[in-house]
Amino acid sequence: MKLRNLTPDRVAAWSQANERTLAPTTAVLALIALNMVCRFAVRRGWIGVNPVAHLEPGEKPRWTPKPVTILEGDKLSQVVAHAGSYRLLVQFLAYTGLRISEALGVRWKDMDFDAGVLRVHQQLGRDRVPKRLKTPAARREVILAPPVTKRLRERWLVSSYKGSDDLVFCNSIGRGLDYRDVGKGFRAAVKAAGLTGGGRLSLHSLRHTFASLLIAKGLNVVFVSRQLGHASPTTTLSTYAHLFEQAEHAVAAREALEASYAAMVSAGG
């Protein structure tokens, strides 16, 4: 069926059929994917309206996603403030989305300060020995925020281990850090910050924080998936479907409010 022939009723019937025949997550992901396609088509002028946006709540697949715990804003600042020697590493994890093994395996030659890009090429094993990444998708380029780039450059300037093959995060003798020690330090920082309740916080929560920041800015699932090093965008959607839905609702709400405000101003002369 061509995009221009899609109507809310046809999309609703298709979505409800998916709910009957597919796994709940698959049915939800299918509708999210169609919504993204239709939004793009509206923006390009290929169709006039997004039929997915006109579905009633009961016409959408029902699914309760597994919650992910996110550290944002003031809470993240509090944890960083109590992270001690792991302060930069915590910031790095929150603003690159790397897995802890990947972050601990980053070398100075993987950093491109001028381009503001980090190239993920290896990870650090549990024995603190560099090893290959688990999947080809994990080998990627990650965008670095300018403040993070600045902090990393400052670290390089004062580091005793600044050779191209030296690890960015290492101990006093240049050896890679033990992920268990980092996890222990993170948990201590969370406790010192007084952050209890609201879900268990772990180093992986910083990865979720990075993903939530990208999604909230309206970045598409393919880009988010590549930044996270997921094997497929489906993995990204299955983990963060609720965040993509929230972002979609926020966009729709802003557009509706803007249109209403414009109409009010126009009517008032």
C-alpha atoms as a PDB file:
ATOM      1  CA  MET A   1       0.000   0.000   0.000  1.00  0.00           C
ATOM      2  CA  LYS A   2       1.226   3.477  -0.860  1.00  0.00           C
ATOM      3  CA  LEU A   3       1.791   6.011   1.908  1.00  0.00           C
ATOM      4  CA  ARG A   4      -0.760   8.433   0.499  1.00  0.00           C
ATOM      5  CA  ASN A   5      -3.452   5.746   0.825  1.00  0.00           C
ATOM      6  CA  LEU A   6      -2.894   5.264   4.547  1.00  0.00           C
ATOM      7  CA  THR A   7      -5.699   6.428   6.821  1.00  0.00           C
ATOM      8  CA  PRO A   8      -6.057   6.276  10.619  1.00  0.00           C
ATOM      9  CA  ASP A   9      -8.617   3.472  10.226  1.00  0.00           C
ATOM     10  CA  ARG A  10      -6.321   1.388   8.033  1.00  0.00           C
ATOM     11  CA  VAL A  11      -3.373   1.917  10.360  1.00  0.00           C
ATOM     12  CA  ALA A  12      -5.546   1.018  13.357  1.00  0.00           C
ATOM     13  CA  ALA A  13      -6.707  -2.209  11.701  1.00  0.00           C
ATOM     14  CA  TRP A  14      -3.131  -3.128  10.763  1.00  0.00           C
ATOM     15  CA  SER A  15      -1.842  -2.354  14.264  1.00  0.00           C
ATOM     16  CA  GLN A  16      -4.606  -4.341  15.963  1.00  0.00           C
ATOM     17  CA  ALA A  17      -3.882  -7.298  13.666  1.00  0.00           C
ATOM     18  CA  ASN A  18      -0.224  -7.069  14.651  1.00  0.00           C
ATOM     19  CA  GLU A  19      -1.225  -7.117  18.301  1.00  0.00           C
ATOM     20  CA  ARG A  20      -3.139 -10.355  17.777  1.00  0.00           C
ATOM     21  CA  THR A  21      -0.421 -12.149  15.800  1.00  0.00           C
ATOM     22  CA  LEU A  22       2.903 -10.717  16.969  1.00  0.00           C
ATOM     23  CA  ALA A  23       4.743 -10.471  20.248  1.00  0.00           C
ATOM     24  CA  PRO A  24       3.769  -7.315  22.189  1.00  0.00           C
ATOM     25  CA  THR A  25       7.174  -5.686  21.726  1.00  0.00           C
ATOM     26  CA  THR A  26       7.187  -6.433  17.995  1.00  0.00           C
ATOM     27  CA  ALA A  27       3.721  -4.930  17.537  1.00  0.00           C
ATOM     28  CA  VAL A  28       4.782  -1.768  19.361  1.00  0.00           C
ATOM     29  CA  LEU A  29       8.033  -1.483  17.413  1.00  0.00           C
ATOM     30  CA  ALA A  30       6.183  -1.868  14.104  1.00  0.00           C
ATOM     31  CA  LEU A  31       3.877   1.051  14.946  1.00  0.00           C
ATOM     32  CA  ILE A  32       6.769   3.221  16.148  1.00  0.00           C
ATOM     33  CA  ALA A  33       8.654   2.525  12.900  1.00  0.00           C
ATOM     34  CA  LEU A  34       5.594   3.433  10.800  1.00  0.00           C
ATOM     35  CA  ASN A  35       5.121   6.610  12.833  1.00  0.00           C
ATOM     36  CA  MET A  36       8.689   7.680  12.090  1.00  0.00           C
ATOM     37  CA  VAL A  37       8.240   6.981   8.368  1.00  0.00           C
ATOM     38  CA  CYS A  38       5.001   8.990   8.276  1.00  0.00           C
ATOM     39  CA  ARG A  39       6.519  11.908  10.183  1.00  0.00           C
ATOM     40  CA  PHE A  40       9.348  12.037   7.659  1.00  0.00           C
ATOM     41  CA  ALA A  41       6.863  11.844   4.769  1.00  0.00           C
ATOM     42  CA  VAL A  42       4.861  14.767   6.200  1.00  0.00           C
ATOM     43  CA  ARG A  43       8.018  16.839   6.582  1.00  0.00           C
ATOM     44  CA  ARG A  44       8.976  16.139   2.955  1.00  0.00           C
ATOM     45  CA  GLY A  45       5.466  16.964   1.734  1.00  0.00           C
ATOM     46  CA  TRP A  46       4.723  13.485   0.446  1.00  0.00           C
ATOM     47  CA  ILE A  47       1.583  13.176   2.597  1.00  0.00           C
ATOM     48  CA  GLY A  48      -0.561  15.804   4.277  1.00  0.00           C
ATOM     49  CA  VAL A  49      -1.050  14.277   7.712  1.00  0.00           C
ATOM     50  CA  ASN A  50       0.457  11.512   9.812  1.00  0.00           C
ATOM     51  CA  PRO A  51      -2.283   8.864  10.238  1.00  0.00           C
ATOM     52  CA  VAL A  52      -0.486   7.271  13.187  1.00  0.00           C
ATOM     53  CA  ALA A  53      -0.810  10.526  15.140  1.00  0.00           C
ATOM     54  CA  HIS A  54      -4.610  10.276  14.896  1.00  0.00           C
ATOM     55  CA  LEU A  55      -4.950   6.838  16.489  1.00  0.00           C
ATOM     56  CA  GLU A  56      -6.943   6.552  19.687  1.00  0.00           C
ATOM     57  CA  PRO A  57      -5.116   5.090  22.715  1.00  0.00           C
ATOM     58  CA  GLY A  58      -7.157   1.893  22.486  1.00  0.00           C
ATOM     59  CA  GLU A  59      -6.080   1.381  18.875  1.00  0.00           C
ATOM     60  CA  LYS A  60      -2.409   1.077  19.824  1.00  0.00           C
ATOM     61  CA  PRO A  61      -0.723  -2.141  21.035  1.00  0.00           C
ATOM     62  CA  ARG A  62      -0.628  -2.527  24.788  1.00  0.00           C
ATOM     63  CA  TRP A  63       2.793  -3.176  26.249  1.00  0.00           C
ATOM     64  CA  THR A  64       4.476  -2.274  29.525  1.00  0.00           C
ATOM     65  CA  PRO A  65       8.197  -1.806  28.839  1.00  0.00           C
ATOM     66  CA  LYS A  66      10.836  -2.801  31.329  1.00  0.00           C
ATOM     67  CA  PRO A  67      11.806   0.453  33.044  1.00  0.00           C
ATOM     68  CA  VAL A  68      15.320   1.816  32.700  1.00  0.00           C
ATOM     69  CA  THR A  69      16.839   3.995  35.386  1.00  0.00           C
ATOM     70  CA  ILE A  70      18.192   7.313  34.164  1.00  0.00           C
ATOM     71  CA  LEU A  71      20.419   9.883  35.853  1.00  0.00           C
ATOM     72  CA  GLU A  72      19.781  13.396  34.615  1.00  0.00           C
ATOM     73  CA  GLY A  73      20.356  17.003  35.577  1.00  0.00           C
ATOM     74  CA  ASP A  74      20.828  17.641  39.260  1.00  0.00           C
ATOM     75  CA  LYS A  75      21.035  13.966  40.197  1.00  0.00           C
ATOM     76  CA  LEU A  76      23.820  13.314  37.721  1.00  0.00           C
ATOM     77  CA  SER A  77      25.633  16.404  39.001  1.00  0.00           C
ATOM     78  CA  GLN A  78      25.379  15.110  42.567  1.00  0.00           C
ATOM     79  CA  VAL A  79      26.846  11.721  41.642  1.00  0.00           C
ATOM     80  CA  VAL A  80      29.698  13.338  39.703  1.00  0.00           C
ATOM     81  CA  ALA A  81      30.461  15.605  42.664  1.00  0.00           C
ATOM     82  CA  HIS A  82      30.895  12.537  44.921  1.00  0.00           C
ATOM     83  CA  ALA A  83      32.725  10.341  42.389  1.00  0.00           C
ATOM     84  CA  GLY A  84      36.248  11.276  43.521  1.00  0.00           C
ATOM     85  CA  SER A  85      38.924   9.919  41.187  1.00  0.00           C
ATOM     86  CA  TYR A  86      36.198   8.504  38.922  1.00  0.00           C
ATOM     87  CA  ARG A  87      34.637  11.910  38.321  1.00  0.00           C
ATOM     88  CA  LEU A  88      35.715  12.266  34.680  1.00  0.00           C
ATOM     89  CA  LEU A  89      34.957   8.628  33.931  1.00  0.00           C
ATOM     90  CA  VAL A  90      31.375   9.034  35.201  1.00  0.00           C
ATOM     91  CA  GLN A  91      30.951  12.127  33.014  1.00  0.00           C
ATOM     92  CA  PHE A  92      32.481  10.267  30.081  1.00  0.00           C
ATOM     93  CA  LEU A  93      30.074   7.344  30.452  1.00  0.00           C
ATOM     94  CA  ALA A  94      27.039   9.634  30.758  1.00  0.00           C
ATOM     95  CA  TYR A  95      27.913  11.679  27.667  1.00  0.00           C
ATOM     96  CA  THR A  96      29.209   8.973  25.335  1.00  0.00           C
ATOM     97  CA  GLY A  97      26.934   6.050  26.202  1.00  0.00           C
ATOM     98  CA  LEU A  98      29.835   3.602  26.130  1.00  0.00           C
ATOM     99  CA  ARG A  99      29.650   0.326  27.997  1.00  0.00           C
ATOM    100  CA  ILE A 100      32.083   0.254  30.929  1.00  0.00           C
ATOM    101  CA  SER A 101      34.292  -2.303  29.179  1.00  0.00           C
ATOM    102  CA  GLU A 102      34.461  -0.071  26.097  1.00  0.00           C
ATOM    103  CA  ALA A 103      35.237   3.068  28.122  1.00  0.00           C
ATOM    104  CA  LEU A 104      38.056   1.356  29.982  1.00  0.00           C
ATOM    105  CA  GLY A 105      39.532   0.202  26.667  1.00  0.00           C
ATOM    106  CA  VAL A 106      39.712   3.666  25.078  1.00  0.00           C
ATOM    107  CA  ARG A 107      43.230   4.757  24.089  1.00  0.00           C
ATOM    108  CA  TRP A 108      44.453   8.248  23.372  1.00  0.00           C
ATOM    109  CA  LYS A 109      44.766   7.415  19.684  1.00  0.00           C
ATOM    110  CA  ASP A 110      41.036   6.675  19.637  1.00  0.00           C
ATOM    111  CA  MET A 111      40.357  10.336  20.444  1.00  0.00           C
ATOM    112  CA  ASP A 112      40.079  12.975  17.733  1.00  0.00           C
ATOM    113  CA  PHE A 113      40.000  16.184  19.752  1.00  0.00           C
ATOM    114  CA  ASP A 114      39.812  18.449  16.703  1.00  0.00           C
ATOM    115  CA  ALA A 115      36.836  16.626  15.178  1.00  0.00           C
ATOM    116  CA  GLY A 116      35.202  15.984  18.544  1.00  0.00           C
ATOM    117  CA  VAL A 117      34.886  12.286  17.804  1.00  0.00           C
ATOM    118  CA  LEU A 118      35.724   9.111  19.696  1.00  0.00           C
ATOM    119  CA  ARG A 119      36.418   5.928  17.736  1.00  0.00           C
ATOM    120  CA  VAL A 120      35.514   2.785  19.657  1.00  0.00           C
ATOM    121  CA  HIS A 121      37.872   0.019  18.517  1.00  0.00           C
ATOM    122  CA  GLN A 122      38.388  -2.260  21.524  1.00  0.00           C
ATOM    123  CA  GLN A 123      37.251  -3.053  25.037  1.00  0.00           C
ATOM    124  CA  LEU A 124      38.997  -4.032  28.250  1.00  0.00           C
ATOM    125  CA  GLY A 125      38.360  -7.546  29.452  1.00  0.00           C
ATOM    126  CA  ARG A 126      37.715  -8.563  33.045  1.00  0.00           C
ATOM    127  CA  ASP A 127      41.388  -9.466  33.287  1.00  0.00           C
ATOM    128  CA  ARG A 128      42.190  -5.846  32.323  1.00  0.00           C
ATOM    129  CA  VAL A 129      43.626  -6.959  28.978  1.00  0.00           C
ATOM    130  CA  PRO A 130      42.385  -5.288  25.763  1.00  0.00           C
ATOM    131  CA  LYS A 131      40.275  -7.483  23.523  1.00  0.00           C
ATOM    132  CA  ARG A 132      38.074  -7.297  20.457  1.00  0.00           C
ATOM    133  CA  LEU A 133      34.597  -5.824  20.613  1.00  0.00           C
ATOM    134  CA  LYS A 134      31.696  -8.264  20.824  1.00  0.00           C
ATOM    135  CA  THR A 135      29.993  -7.275  17.563  1.00  0.00           C
ATOM    136  CA  PRO A 136      30.877  -5.354  14.385  1.00  0.00           C
ATOM    137  CA  ALA A 137      28.233  -2.737  15.313  1.00  0.00           C
ATOM    138  CA  ALA A 138      30.139  -1.954  18.516  1.00  0.00           C
ATOM    139  CA  ARG A 139      32.988  -0.598  16.364  1.00  0.00           C
ATOM    140  CA  ARG A 140      31.757   2.945  15.845  1.00  0.00           C
ATOM    141  CA  GLU A 141      32.321   6.677  16.017  1.00  0.00           C
ATOM    142  CA  VAL A 142      30.726   8.514  18.925  1.00  0.00           C
ATOM    143  CA  ILE A 143      30.148  12.250  18.962  1.00  0.00           C
ATOM    144  CA  LEU A 144      31.870  14.036  21.851  1.00  0.00           C
ATOM    145  CA  ALA A 145      30.258  17.039  23.526  1.00  0.00           C
ATOM    146  CA  PRO A 146      32.667  20.025  23.514  1.00  0.00           C
ATOM    147  CA  PRO A 147      32.873  20.219  27.349  1.00  0.00           C
ATOM    148  CA  VAL A 148      33.774  16.510  27.496  1.00  0.00           C
ATOM    149  CA  THR A 149      36.407  16.991  24.785  1.00  0.00           C
ATOM    150  CA  LYS A 150      37.869  19.857  26.814  1.00  0.00           C
ATOM    151  CA  ARG A 151      38.069  17.756  29.996  1.00  0.00           C
ATOM    152  CA  LEU A 152      39.715  14.878  28.125  1.00  0.00           C
ATOM    153  CA  ARG A 153      42.278  17.173  26.547  1.00  0.00           C
ATOM    154  CA  GLU A 154      43.088  18.571  29.984  1.00  0.00           C
ATOM    155  CA  ARG A 155      43.524  15.022  31.290  1.00  0.00           C
ATOM    156  CA  TRP A 156      45.897  14.195  28.434  1.00  0.00           C
ATOM    157  CA  LEU A 157      48.049  17.250  29.185  1.00  0.00           C
ATOM    158  CA  VAL A 158      48.685  16.194  32.802  1.00  0.00           C
ATOM    159  CA  SER A 159      48.758  12.422  32.285  1.00  0.00           C
ATOM    160  CA  SER A 160      51.980  10.473  32.791  1.00  0.00           C
ATOM    161  CA  TYR A 161      50.701   8.029  30.165  1.00  0.00           C
ATOM    162  CA  LYS A 162      49.867   9.981  27.024  1.00  0.00           C
ATOM    163  CA  GLY A 163      51.287   7.708  24.327  1.00  0.00           C
ATOM    164  CA  SER A 164      48.959   6.862  21.475  1.00  0.00           C
ATOM    165  CA  ASP A 165      48.468   3.302  22.743  1.00  0.00           C
ATOM    166  CA  ASP A 166      48.115   4.290  26.410  1.00  0.00           C
ATOM    167  CA  LEU A 167      44.705   3.964  28.015  1.00  0.00           C
ATOM    168  CA  VAL A 168      42.780   7.141  28.807  1.00  0.00           C
ATOM    169  CA  PHE A 169      41.559   5.738  32.108  1.00  0.00           C
ATOM    170  CA  CYS A 170      44.364   3.948  33.904  1.00  0.00           C
ATOM    171  CA  ASN A 171      45.947   3.619  37.329  1.00  0.00           C
ATOM    172  CA  SER A 172      49.214   5.112  38.615  1.00  0.00           C
ATOM    173  CA  ILE A 173      51.317   2.555  36.741  1.00  0.00           C
ATOM    174  CA  GLY A 174      49.432   2.885  33.457  1.00  0.00           C
ATOM    175  CA  ARG A 175      47.404  -0.292  33.767  1.00  0.00           C
ATOM    176  CA  GLY A 176      43.715  -0.427  32.918  1.00  0.00           C
ATOM    177  CA  LEU A 177      41.183  -0.003  35.712  1.00  0.00           C
ATOM    178  CA  ASP A 178      39.241  -2.897  37.202  1.00  0.00           C
ATOM    179  CA  TYR A 179      35.562  -2.502  36.281  1.00  0.00           C
ATOM    180  CA  ARG A 180      34.600  -3.857  39.718  1.00  0.00           C
ATOM    181  CA  ASP A 181      36.474  -1.052  41.441  1.00  0.00           C
ATOM    182  CA  VAL A 182      34.749   1.494  39.187  1.00  0.00           C
ATOM    183  CA  GLY A 183      31.363  -0.029  39.986  1.00  0.00           C
ATOM    184  CA  LYS A 184      32.115   0.085  43.696  1.00  0.00           C
ATOM    185  CA  GLY A 185      33.176   3.731  43.408  1.00  0.00           C
ATOM    186  CA  PHE A 186      30.007   4.586  41.491  1.00  0.00           C
ATOM    187  CA  ARG A 187      27.767   2.944  44.080  1.00  0.00           C
ATOM    188  CA  ALA A 188      29.594   4.834  46.831  1.00  0.00           C
ATOM    189  CA  ALA A 189      29.006   8.105  44.953  1.00  0.00           C
ATOM    190  CA  VAL A 190      25.302   7.319  44.565  1.00  0.00           C
ATOM    191  CA  LYS A 191      25.038   6.601  48.282  1.00  0.00           C
ATOM    192  CA  ALA A 192      26.979   9.739  49.225  1.00  0.00           C
ATOM    193  CA  ALA A 193      24.670  11.785  46.982  1.00  0.00           C
ATOM    194  CA  GLY A 194      21.691  10.430  48.917  1.00  0.00           C
ATOM    195  CA  LEU A 195      20.017   8.987  45.834  1.00  0.00           C
ATOM    196  CA  THR A 196      17.854   6.161  47.101  1.00  0.00           C
ATOM    197  CA  GLY A 197      14.663   4.818  45.592  1.00  0.00           C
ATOM    198  CA  GLY A 198      13.445   5.361  42.039  1.00  0.00           C
ATOM    199  CA  GLY A 199      15.116   2.199  40.738  1.00  0.00           C
ATOM    200  CA  ARG A 200      18.551   0.687  41.093  1.00  0.00           C
ATOM    201  CA  LEU A 201      21.334   2.863  39.748  1.00  0.00           C
ATOM    202  CA  SER A 202      24.337   1.224  38.119  1.00  0.00           C
ATOM    203  CA  LEU A 203      27.055   2.171  35.656  1.00  0.00           C
ATOM    204  CA  HIS A 204      24.680   1.053  32.897  1.00  0.00           C
ATOM    205  CA  SER A 205      22.263   3.772  34.036  1.00  0.00           C
ATOM    206  CA  LEU A 206      24.746   6.258  32.571  1.00  0.00           C
ATOM    207  CA  ARG A 207      24.358   4.565  29.182  1.00  0.00           C
ATOM    208  CA  HIS A 208      20.578   4.938  29.509  1.00  0.00           C
ATOM    209  CA  THR A 209      21.121   8.607  30.390  1.00  0.00           C
ATOM    210  CA  PHE A 210      23.037   9.175  27.148  1.00  0.00           C
ATOM    211  CA  ALA A 211      20.328   7.455  25.108  1.00  0.00           C
ATOM    212  CA  SER A 212      17.573   9.494  26.767  1.00  0.00           C
ATOM    213  CA  LEU A 213      19.368  12.756  25.940  1.00  0.00           C
ATOM    214  CA  LEU A 214      19.575  11.868  22.241  1.00  0.00           C
ATOM    215  CA  ILE A 215      15.980  10.668  22.062  1.00  0.00           C
ATOM    216  CA  ALA A 216      14.648  13.755  23.855  1.00  0.00           C
ATOM    217  CA  LYS A 217      16.266  15.886  21.138  1.00  0.00           C
ATOM    218  CA  GLY A 218      14.279  14.036  18.482  1.00  0.00           C
ATOM    219  CA  LEU A 219      17.204  12.155  16.940  1.00  0.00           C
ATOM    220  CA  ASN A 220      16.095   9.153  14.923  1.00  0.00           C
ATOM    221  CA  VAL A 221      16.433   5.571  16.069  1.00  0.00           C
ATOM    222  CA  VAL A 222      19.094   4.662  13.489  1.00  0.00           C
ATOM    223  CA  PHE A 223      21.452   7.395  14.707  1.00  0.00           C
ATOM    224  CA  VAL A 224      20.812   6.557  18.372  1.00  0.00           C
ATOM    225  CA  SER A 225      21.404   2.880  17.652  1.00  0.00           C
ATOM    226  CA  ARG A 226      24.730   3.604  15.947  1.00  0.00           C
ATOM    227  CA  GLN A 227      25.896   5.827  18.776  1.00  0.00           C
ATOM    228  CA  LEU A 228      25.099   3.087  21.285  1.00  0.00           C
ATOM    229  CA  GLY A 229      26.705   0.358  19.176  1.00  0.00           C
ATOM    230  CA  HIS A 230      23.570  -1.773  19.061  1.00  0.00           C
ATOM    231  CA  ALA A 231      23.537  -4.608  16.546  1.00  0.00           C
ATOM    232  CA  SER A 232      20.182  -3.403  15.218  1.00  0.00           C
ATOM    233  CA  PRO A 233      17.812  -0.428  15.650  1.00  0.00           C
ATOM    234  CA  THR A 234      15.286  -3.011  16.839  1.00  0.00           C
ATOM    235  CA  THR A 235      17.384  -3.483  19.964  1.00  0.00           C
ATOM    236  CA  THR A 236      17.317   0.269  20.564  1.00  0.00           C
ATOM    237  CA  LEU A 237      13.559   0.459  20.082  1.00  0.00           C
ATOM    238  CA  SER A 238      12.859  -2.508  22.333  1.00  0.00           C
ATOM    239  CA  THR A 239      14.872  -0.890  25.133  1.00  0.00           C
ATOM    240  CA  TYR A 240      13.777   2.729  24.721  1.00  0.00           C
ATOM    241  CA  ALA A 241      10.356   2.471  23.046  1.00  0.00           C
ATOM    242  CA  HIS A 242       8.710   4.444  25.862  1.00  0.00           C
ATOM    243  CA  LEU A 243      11.255   7.263  25.495  1.00  0.00           C
ATOM    244  CA  PHE A 244      10.694   7.489  21.744  1.00  0.00           C
ATOM    245  CA  GLU A 245       6.941   7.597  22.412  1.00  0.00           C
ATOM    246  CA  GLN A 246       7.384  10.379  24.951  1.00  0.00           C
ATOM    247  CA  ALA A 247       9.478  12.346  22.466  1.00  0.00           C
ATOM    248  CA  GLU A 248       6.810  11.876  19.781  1.00  0.00           C
ATOM    249  CA  HIS A 249       4.110  13.127  22.163  1.00  0.00           C
ATOM    250  CA  ALA A 250       6.245  16.121  23.109  1.00  0.00           C
ATOM    251  CA  VAL A 251       6.646  17.093  19.449  1.00  0.00           C
ATOM    252  CA  ALA A 252       2.910  16.748  18.818  1.00  0.00           C
ATOM    253  CA  ALA A 253       2.094  18.748  21.951  1.00  0.00           C
ATOM    254  CA  ARG A 254       4.445  21.586  20.965  1.00  0.00           C
ATOM    255  CA  GLU A 255       2.969  21.738  17.472  1.00  0.00           C
ATOM    256  CA  ALA A 256      -0.588  21.814  18.823  1.00  0.00           C
ATOM    257  CA  LEU A 257       0.236  24.518  21.362  1.00  0.00           C
ATOM    258  CA  GLU A 258       2.077  26.579  18.768  1.00  0.00           C
ATOM    259  CA  ALA A 259      -0.839  26.360  16.315  1.00  0.00           C
ATOM    260  CA  SER A 260      -3.329  27.288  19.023  1.00  0.00           C
ATOM    261  CA  TYR A 261      -1.231  30.250  20.127  1.00  0.00           C
ATOM    262  CA  ALA A 262      -0.847  31.472  16.548  1.00  0.00           C
ATOM    263  CA  ALA A 263      -4.611  31.246  16.046  1.00  0.00           C
ATOM    264  CA  MET A 264      -5.213  33.200  19.245  1.00  0.00           C
ATOM    265  CA  VAL A 265      -2.821  35.947  18.210  1.00  0.00           C
ATOM    266  CA  SER A 266      -4.320  36.102  14.735  1.00  0.00           C
ATOM    267  CA  ALA A 267      -7.870  36.320  16.070  1.00  0.00           C
ATOM    268  CA  GLY A 268      -6.867  39.065  18.478  1.00  0.00           C
ATOM    269  CA  GLY A 269      -5.431  41.151  15.699  1.00  0.00           C
END
